[in-house]
Amino acid sequence: MQIKDVLLAPGNGAFFYDDQAAIRAGASQDGFVYVGDPITPDFQSIRVPACSLSVGLVLVDDTVVWGDMMSVQYSGAGGRDALFETAQISDLTSRVVVPRLLDVDVSRYLDACANVFEPIEHKRLPLAIEYGVSQALLRAAAHLQRTTMAEIVCSEFNLPLPTLRVPIYCQSGDAREINADKMILKAVDVLPHGLINSRQKFGAAGQTFMEFVRWVATRTRELGHPGYQPVLHFDVYGWIGQEIGLEPQRIADFICRVADAVPGFTINIESPADFGSTQAQIENYAKIVSILDNRDSSARIVVDERCNTLEDIRLFAEAKAVHLVQIKTPDVGSIADAARAVLICKANRVGAYVGGSCTETDLSAQASVHVSVATQADMMLAKPGMGVDEGFSIVGNEQNRLLAILNRRATENVG
């Protein structure tokens, strides 16, 4: 079954692209905008509306299946691809990718991805293109076989059909208290992120952050139903290292104090420090992980920055330099590689969290759900956006619909 035409449609991401370097350097906020000049290349201001580009594959039966391309919120930071530019991506897609798409067999998903994503002049295609096009190809394969995207992933990777739900993780954005309340009332599995991305939010020696952690734990007990015990997940954007230094022992000591402040909870600390390169990140995160494990701490280290591609994820997992990898889907590229990343983590007994970005779309979020459930990831991000309700409903409802279908399949097979 061939693709007979390809459509491109510009669109919006669900949040904004932010210049992380400028924010780390102390840019202040005025309402929703940041004041000052951007630092990261291609940013015209520190905060810019997220854009996306939809790619539609017109199949021979005139069905159109879609995927969405975009960058992550902190584009151009931590070794990531540059800021998404719709006109540039559209031009490259039209010139290079479309002719390849018109020549592939969409019934063979992994083969189609491999053929379409061949490097050009020894250089990999922008990861945003891989991400969006791989979603559309997955939907095309599912349409052809009259099945779900999750079942295509299971078939391609020789996985059993899943029956268990994947825990959902929500992030708060800057409205951290209001959104934490929403998460608790909706009994979210993992919360609240907190967006601890500045010195003001982290506080001198981490005091402001520590107070927020205690508040979340207290609020969970106040508002949550009896027995509700979510994992508490905080993204500190490297600020532990920024504020107290890059000595692994000191970082581990601080993280232990955070965990000890909220006994009874499992604590995820994402991006405790940025050591400047992937290799340095691996070496120092491995030391932090070892110290926490030796102390039987309830805290777990989550890697994000400097762990972008499939190869990066493999290196971190094999080095045991992390407890949980954020598989940041637009940074990994092809969503087939996101599935491979989960399987690499599992093979190395490292947690796999299928994440992504608030800048994504409903379509990319739904495709991510199918990959997460098919590979039985340890948790997945409620996305897109920063509003909690929208992302939680998109991801949660898609998972529930998918599991209803898969459970019916299982019943049919038994019958």
Protein backbone atom coordinates (compact mmCIF):
# COMPACT_ATOMS: atom_id res chain seq x y z
CA MET A 1 0.00 0.00 0.00
CA GLN A 2 1.64 3.21 -1.16
CA ILE A 3 1.35 6.86 -0.24
CA LYS A 4 0.02 8.83 -3.18
CA ASP A 5 0.43 12.37 -1.83
CA VAL A 6 1.80 14.27 1.16
CA LEU A 7 0.21 17.30 2.81
CA LEU A 8 1.90 19.85 5.05
CA ALA A 9 -0.07 22.10 7.41
CA PRO A 10 1.49 24.66 9.76
CA GLY A 11 0.16 24.62 13.30
CA ASN A 12 0.67 25.56 16.92
CA GLY A 13 2.40 23.77 19.74
CA ALA A 14 0.60 23.71 23.06
CA PHE A 15 2.97 26.04 24.93
CA PHE A 16 6.03 28.21 24.22
CA TYR A 17 9.69 27.78 23.29
CA ASP A 18 11.95 29.26 26.00
CA ASP A 19 15.59 30.32 25.97
CA GLN A 20 16.94 28.25 28.85
CA ALA A 21 20.35 29.97 28.84
CA ALA A 22 18.78 33.40 29.29
CA ILE A 23 16.52 32.15 32.08
CA ARG A 24 19.46 30.52 33.88
CA ALA A 25 21.39 33.78 33.50
CA GLY A 26 18.72 35.56 35.55
CA ALA A 27 16.13 36.91 33.13
CA SER A 28 13.20 38.22 35.15
CA GLN A 29 9.52 37.66 34.40
CA ASP A 30 7.02 40.39 33.65
CA GLY A 31 3.68 38.66 33.69
CA PHE A 32 4.00 35.77 31.27
CA VAL A 33 6.98 37.11 29.31
CA TYR A 34 10.67 37.19 30.19
CA VAL A 35 12.50 40.52 30.17
CA GLY A 36 15.88 40.84 28.48
CA ASP A 37 17.76 39.71 25.42
CA PRO A 38 17.90 36.10 24.26
CA ILE A 39 21.17 34.16 24.43
CA THR A 40 20.48 30.90 22.59
CA PRO A 41 20.88 31.15 18.78
CA ASP A 42 17.70 31.58 16.69
CA PHE A 43 15.62 32.95 19.58
CA GLN A 44 14.28 36.43 18.76
CA SER A 45 12.99 36.79 22.32
CA ILE A 46 13.39 34.69 25.45
CA ARG A 47 9.88 33.25 25.15
CA VAL A 48 8.27 32.61 21.75
CA PRO A 49 5.01 30.82 20.84
CA ALA A 50 5.59 27.18 19.95
CA CYS A 51 4.85 26.26 16.36
CA SER A 52 4.41 22.88 14.71
CA LEU A 53 4.11 21.38 11.26
CA SER A 54 1.66 18.59 10.49
CA VAL A 55 2.50 16.04 7.83
CA GLY A 56 -0.43 14.20 6.26
CA LEU A 57 0.03 11.00 4.27
CA VAL A 58 -2.67 10.54 1.61
CA LEU A 59 -3.07 6.79 1.16
CA VAL A 60 -4.39 5.07 -1.97
CA ASP A 61 -7.85 4.70 -0.41
CA ASP A 62 -7.87 8.50 0.13
CA THR A 63 -7.50 8.17 3.91
CA VAL A 64 -5.21 10.87 5.33
CA VAL A 65 -3.15 10.03 8.42
CA TRP A 66 -1.23 12.70 10.29
CA GLY A 67 1.81 13.26 12.45
CA ASP A 68 3.12 16.47 14.03
CA MET A 69 6.64 17.94 14.04
CA MET A 70 7.88 20.40 16.67
CA SER A 71 10.78 21.16 19.02
CA VAL A 72 10.86 20.94 22.80
CA GLN A 73 10.39 23.89 25.15
CA TYR A 74 14.11 24.40 25.80
CA SER A 75 15.34 24.04 22.24
CA GLY A 76 19.03 24.51 21.55
CA ALA A 77 19.97 23.68 25.17
CA GLY A 78 21.82 20.67 26.55
CA GLY A 79 22.88 19.36 23.15
CA ARG A 80 19.42 19.57 21.59
CA ASP A 81 18.44 20.51 18.04
CA ALA A 82 18.00 24.20 17.28
CA LEU A 83 14.73 26.09 17.59
CA PHE A 84 11.99 24.80 15.27
CA GLU A 85 11.49 27.01 12.22
CA THR A 86 8.40 26.08 10.21
CA ALA A 87 9.46 27.43 6.80
CA GLN A 88 12.88 25.77 6.96
CA ILE A 89 11.47 22.42 8.10
CA SER A 90 8.71 22.58 5.47
CA ASP A 91 11.23 23.23 2.71
CA LEU A 92 13.49 20.34 3.76
CA THR A 93 10.51 18.00 4.12
CA SER A 94 9.22 18.89 0.65
CA ARG A 95 12.59 18.52 -1.05
CA VAL A 96 13.99 15.46 0.69
CA VAL A 97 11.39 13.57 2.68
CA VAL A 98 8.32 13.68 0.45
CA PRO A 99 9.98 11.88 -2.50
CA ARG A 100 11.09 9.16 -0.13
CA LEU A 101 7.61 8.81 1.37
CA LEU A 102 6.09 8.31 -2.08
CA ASP A 103 8.36 5.31 -2.55
CA VAL A 104 7.89 3.30 0.67
CA ASP A 105 5.68 0.40 1.67
CA VAL A 106 3.79 1.69 4.69
CA SER A 107 2.82 -1.82 5.76
CA ARG A 108 6.41 -2.38 6.95
CA TYR A 109 6.75 0.24 9.65
CA LEU A 110 10.37 -0.06 10.77
CA ASP A 111 11.60 -0.53 7.20
CA ALA A 112 9.64 2.54 6.09
CA CYS A 113 11.18 4.64 8.88
CA ALA A 114 14.68 3.42 8.02
CA ASN A 115 14.25 4.30 4.35
CA VAL A 116 12.67 7.70 4.88
CA PHE A 117 15.15 8.81 7.55
CA GLU A 118 18.35 8.01 5.65
CA PRO A 119 20.95 10.75 6.32
CA ILE A 120 21.38 13.47 3.73
CA GLU A 121 24.98 14.32 2.89
CA HIS A 122 26.06 12.21 5.90
CA LYS A 123 23.96 14.35 8.21
CA ARG A 124 20.91 13.16 10.13
CA LEU A 125 17.60 14.79 9.32
CA PRO A 126 16.27 17.23 11.93
CA LEU A 127 14.79 15.20 14.76
CA ALA A 128 11.51 17.09 14.51
CA ILE A 129 11.03 15.67 11.00
CA GLU A 130 11.75 12.14 12.19
CA TYR A 131 9.31 12.58 15.06
CA GLY A 132 6.37 13.86 13.03
CA VAL A 133 6.81 11.63 10.01
CA SER A 134 7.27 8.50 12.15
CA GLN A 135 3.94 9.24 13.85
CA ALA A 136 2.20 9.49 10.47
CA LEU A 137 3.84 6.25 9.26
CA LEU A 138 2.71 4.48 12.43
CA ARG A 139 -0.85 5.63 11.90
CA ALA A 140 -0.64 4.52 8.26
CA ALA A 141 0.48 1.01 9.25
CA ALA A 142 -2.29 0.80 11.85
CA HIS A 143 -4.88 1.92 9.29
CA LEU A 144 -3.70 -0.64 6.75
CA GLN A 145 -3.84 -3.49 9.24
CA ARG A 146 -7.07 -2.29 10.88
CA THR A 147 -5.43 -2.29 14.27
CA THR A 148 -4.05 0.10 16.88
CA MET A 149 -0.69 1.86 16.77
CA ALA A 150 0.28 -0.04 19.93
CA GLU A 151 -0.30 -3.36 18.18
CA ILE A 152 1.93 -2.28 15.30
CA VAL A 153 4.70 -1.51 17.80
CA CYS A 154 4.19 -4.87 19.51
CA SER A 155 4.31 -6.70 16.17
CA GLU A 156 7.41 -4.88 14.92
CA PHE A 157 9.34 -5.44 18.16
CA ASN A 158 7.98 -8.93 18.94
CA LEU A 159 6.31 -7.83 22.15
CA PRO A 160 3.27 -9.42 23.83
CA LEU A 161 0.06 -7.42 23.74
CA PRO A 162 -0.04 -5.34 26.95
CA THR A 163 -2.85 -5.41 29.47
CA LEU A 164 -1.56 -3.05 32.19
CA ARG A 165 -1.88 0.73 32.33
CA VAL A 166 1.19 2.95 32.44
CA PRO A 167 1.34 5.46 35.33
CA ILE A 168 0.78 9.07 34.23
CA TYR A 169 2.97 11.95 35.30
CA CYS A 170 1.84 15.60 35.23
CA GLN A 171 3.89 18.79 35.25
CA SER A 172 2.70 22.03 36.82
CA GLY A 173 4.38 24.86 34.96
CA ASP A 174 4.67 28.08 36.93
CA ALA A 175 1.18 27.73 38.45
CA ARG A 176 2.69 25.12 40.72
CA GLU A 177 0.34 25.31 43.73
CA ILE A 178 -2.95 25.50 41.81
CA ASN A 179 -1.87 22.77 39.42
CA ALA A 180 -0.58 20.55 42.22
CA ASP A 181 -4.05 20.76 43.80
CA LYS A 182 -5.60 19.71 40.47
CA MET A 183 -3.26 16.73 40.22
CA ILE A 184 -3.99 15.58 43.76
CA LEU A 185 -7.75 15.89 43.28
CA LYS A 186 -7.48 13.81 40.09
CA ALA A 187 -5.23 11.23 41.82
CA VAL A 188 -2.39 11.61 39.32
CA ASP A 189 0.22 8.85 39.69
CA VAL A 190 3.32 11.08 39.57
CA LEU A 191 3.44 14.81 40.36
CA PRO A 192 4.07 17.84 40.27
CA HIS A 193 7.36 18.73 38.41
CA GLY A 194 7.32 22.28 39.85
CA LEU A 195 9.38 23.97 37.10
CA ILE A 196 12.28 24.83 39.42
CA ASN A 197 14.20 26.61 36.66
CA SER A 198 15.58 29.75 38.35
CA ARG A 199 17.51 30.83 41.45
CA GLN A 200 14.38 32.51 42.77
CA LYS A 201 12.44 29.23 42.67
CA PHE A 202 15.31 27.15 44.06
CA GLY A 203 16.34 29.59 46.77
CA ALA A 204 19.58 30.10 48.67
CA ALA A 205 21.04 26.64 49.41
CA GLY A 206 17.80 25.18 48.04
CA GLN A 207 15.65 26.40 50.89
CA THR A 208 12.74 27.59 48.71
CA PHE A 209 12.73 24.28 46.85
CA MET A 210 12.79 22.30 50.09
CA GLU A 211 9.80 24.23 51.39
CA PHE A 212 7.89 23.48 48.18
CA VAL A 213 8.65 19.77 48.46
CA ARG A 214 7.30 19.73 52.02
CA TRP A 215 4.22 21.68 50.93
CA VAL A 216 3.44 19.18 48.15
CA ALA A 217 3.70 16.25 50.56
CA THR A 218 1.47 17.99 53.12
CA ARG A 219 -1.04 19.02 50.47
CA THR A 220 -1.18 15.46 49.14
CA ARG A 221 -2.18 14.20 52.56
CA GLU A 222 -4.71 17.02 53.02
CA LEU A 223 -6.50 16.69 49.66
CA GLY A 224 -5.80 13.13 48.54
CA HIS A 225 -8.11 10.23 49.16
CA PRO A 226 -7.15 7.66 51.83
CA GLY A 227 -4.28 5.52 50.62
CA TYR A 228 -3.28 7.91 47.83
CA GLN A 229 0.52 7.83 47.63
CA PRO A 230 1.85 9.39 44.42
CA VAL A 231 5.49 9.52 43.44
CA LEU A 232 6.76 13.08 43.94
CA HIS A 233 8.74 14.22 40.90
CA PHE A 234 10.62 17.52 40.77
CA ASP A 235 12.55 18.93 37.84
CA VAL A 236 15.25 21.28 39.14
CA TYR A 237 16.88 22.12 35.79
CA GLY A 238 20.41 21.71 37.11
CA TRP A 239 19.92 24.13 40.00
CA ILE A 240 21.28 21.85 42.70
CA GLY A 241 24.61 21.93 40.91
CA GLN A 242 24.23 25.62 40.10
CA GLU A 243 23.61 26.59 43.71
CA ILE A 244 25.69 24.21 45.82
CA GLY A 245 28.40 23.19 43.36
CA LEU A 246 29.16 20.22 41.11
CA GLU A 247 30.69 17.87 43.68
CA PRO A 248 28.66 14.60 43.41
CA GLN A 249 28.89 13.95 47.16
CA ARG A 250 27.40 17.34 48.03
CA ILE A 251 24.65 16.91 45.45
CA ALA A 252 23.80 13.46 46.80
CA ASP A 253 23.79 14.79 50.38
CA PHE A 254 21.32 17.50 49.41
CA ILE A 255 19.04 15.04 47.59
CA CYS A 256 19.05 12.77 50.63
CA ARG A 257 17.95 15.70 52.80
CA VAL A 258 15.09 16.37 50.37
CA ALA A 259 13.95 12.74 50.58
CA ASP A 260 14.29 12.69 54.37
CA ALA A 261 12.06 15.79 54.59
CA VAL A 262 9.08 13.84 53.19
CA PRO A 263 9.26 10.32 54.65
CA GLY A 264 6.99 7.74 53.08
CA PHE A 265 7.24 9.18 49.56
CA THR A 266 9.37 8.09 46.64
CA ILE A 267 11.12 11.18 45.28
CA ASN A 268 12.27 11.68 41.69
CA ILE A 269 14.83 14.44 41.17
CA GLU A 270 15.18 15.32 37.50
CA SER A 271 18.29 17.08 36.18
CA PRO A 272 20.03 17.75 39.49
CA ALA A 273 23.07 19.24 37.73
CA ASP A 274 24.46 19.97 34.28
CA PHE A 275 28.08 18.86 34.01
CA GLY A 276 28.55 20.33 30.53
CA SER A 277 28.78 17.26 28.31
CA THR A 278 27.20 13.84 27.90
CA GLN A 279 30.34 12.02 29.09
CA ALA A 280 30.77 14.25 32.15
CA GLN A 281 27.06 13.86 32.90
CA ILE A 282 27.33 10.08 32.79
CA GLU A 283 30.40 9.93 35.01
CA ASN A 284 29.04 12.25 37.69
CA TYR A 285 25.46 11.00 37.64
CA ALA A 286 26.81 7.47 38.12
CA LYS A 287 28.56 8.65 41.28
CA ILE A 288 25.39 10.32 42.60
CA VAL A 289 23.30 7.22 41.84
CA SER A 290 25.83 5.00 43.62
CA ILE A 291 25.83 7.17 46.74
CA LEU A 292 22.01 7.22 46.91
CA ASP A 293 21.80 3.46 46.38
CA ASN A 294 24.37 2.76 49.08
CA ARG A 295 22.30 4.84 51.50
CA ASP A 296 19.04 3.09 50.50
CA SER A 297 17.59 6.52 49.79
CA SER A 298 14.01 6.83 48.56
CA ALA A 299 15.24 9.39 46.03
CA ARG A 300 15.77 8.51 42.38
CA ILE A 301 17.79 10.42 39.79
CA VAL A 302 16.13 11.24 36.46
CA VAL A 303 18.20 12.34 33.48
CA ASP A 304 16.99 14.81 30.84
CA GLU A 305 19.62 17.27 29.60
CA ARG A 306 22.63 15.68 27.85
CA CYS A 307 20.60 12.50 27.28
CA ASN A 308 18.78 13.20 24.04
CA THR A 309 19.34 10.58 21.35
CA LEU A 310 18.90 6.82 21.39
CA GLU A 311 22.67 6.41 21.69
CA ASP A 312 22.79 8.81 24.64
CA ILE A 313 20.09 6.78 26.38
CA ARG A 314 22.02 3.57 25.76
CA LEU A 315 25.17 5.07 27.29
CA PHE A 316 23.38 6.29 30.44
CA ALA A 317 21.52 3.00 30.89
CA GLU A 318 24.56 0.78 30.41
CA ALA A 319 26.61 2.93 32.82
CA LYS A 320 23.85 2.77 35.47
CA ALA A 321 24.19 6.55 35.60
CA VAL A 322 20.51 7.09 36.33
CA HIS A 323 17.52 5.50 38.00
CA LEU A 324 15.03 6.74 35.41
CA VAL A 325 15.60 8.04 31.87
CA GLN A 326 13.34 10.67 30.43
CA ILE A 327 12.86 9.57 26.84
CA LYS A 328 12.09 13.05 25.54
CA THR A 329 10.29 12.00 22.40
CA PRO A 330 10.93 14.99 20.09
CA ASP A 331 14.62 14.89 21.05
CA VAL A 332 14.92 11.15 20.38
CA GLY A 333 13.53 11.64 16.88
CA SER A 334 11.65 8.75 15.32
CA ILE A 335 8.97 7.43 17.64
CA ALA A 336 10.27 3.99 16.72
CA ASP A 337 13.47 5.02 18.51
CA ALA A 338 11.39 6.00 21.53
CA ALA A 339 10.17 2.39 21.63
CA ARG A 340 13.76 1.15 21.26
CA ALA A 341 14.80 3.44 24.10
CA VAL A 342 12.27 1.91 26.49
CA LEU A 343 13.48 -1.56 25.59
CA ILE A 344 17.13 -0.54 26.12
CA CYS A 345 16.25 0.79 29.58
CA LYS A 346 14.41 -2.39 30.48
CA ALA A 347 17.30 -4.56 29.29
CA ASN A 348 19.61 -2.61 31.61
CA ARG A 349 17.13 -2.56 34.52
CA VAL A 350 16.81 1.21 34.37
CA GLY A 351 13.46 2.98 34.60
CA ALA A 352 11.96 4.25 31.34
CA TYR A 353 9.82 7.37 31.36
CA VAL A 354 8.28 8.32 28.01
CA GLY A 355 8.29 12.07 28.30
CA GLY A 356 8.29 14.86 25.79
CA SER A 357 7.42 18.50 26.02
CA CYS A 358 4.62 20.91 26.82
CA THR A 359 5.12 22.27 23.27
CA GLU A 360 3.72 19.13 21.65
CA THR A 361 0.26 18.49 20.17
CA ASP A 362 -2.68 16.18 20.76
CA LEU A 363 -1.56 13.92 17.89
CA SER A 364 2.01 13.47 19.12
CA ALA A 365 0.74 12.86 22.66
CA GLN A 366 -1.65 10.14 21.50
CA ALA A 367 1.05 8.39 19.47
CA SER A 368 3.33 8.50 22.52
CA VAL A 369 0.65 6.75 24.57
CA HIS A 370 0.62 3.81 22.15
CA VAL A 371 4.40 3.46 22.31
CA SER A 372 4.35 3.75 26.13
CA VAL A 373 1.67 1.11 26.58
CA ALA A 374 3.09 -1.25 23.95
CA THR A 375 6.53 -1.22 25.56
CA GLN A 376 5.12 -1.02 29.12
CA ALA A 377 7.17 2.03 30.10
CA ASP A 378 7.43 2.86 33.79
CA MET A 379 5.55 6.14 33.36
CA MET A 380 4.49 8.59 30.67
CA LEU A 381 4.01 12.33 30.55
CA ALA A 382 0.60 13.98 30.43
CA LYS A 383 1.03 16.28 27.46
CA PRO A 384 0.77 18.67 25.73
CA GLY A 385 0.53 22.05 27.43
CA MET A 386 0.98 23.28 30.98
CA GLY A 387 -2.63 23.25 32.14
CA VAL A 388 -2.75 19.74 33.68
CA ASP A 389 -6.40 19.08 32.79
CA GLU A 390 -5.91 19.06 29.03
CA GLY A 391 -2.80 16.87 28.88
CA PHE A 392 -4.08 14.51 31.56
CA SER A 393 -7.36 13.99 29.70
CA ILE A 394 -5.68 13.54 26.28
CA VAL A 395 -3.16 10.98 27.52
CA GLY A 396 -5.38 9.32 30.12
CA ASN A 397 -8.37 8.93 27.82
CA GLU A 398 -6.25 7.62 24.95
CA GLN A 399 -4.73 5.02 27.27
CA ASN A 400 -8.14 3.95 28.57
CA ARG A 401 -9.56 3.63 25.04
CA LEU A 402 -6.51 1.65 23.94
CA LEU A 403 -6.67 -0.75 26.88
CA ALA A 404 -10.38 -1.32 26.25
CA ILE A 405 -9.54 -2.42 22.71
CA LEU A 406 -6.60 -4.58 23.80
CA ASN A 407 -8.65 -6.25 26.54
CA ARG A 408 -11.31 -7.08 23.97
CA ARG A 409 -8.62 -8.56 21.73
CA ALA A 410 -7.40 -10.71 24.63
CA THR A 411 -10.94 -11.94 25.32
CA GLU A 412 -11.45 -12.80 21.65
CA ASN A 413 -8.19 -14.75 21.56
CA VAL A 414 -9.14 -16.73 24.67
CA GLY A 415 -12.58 -17.44 23.22
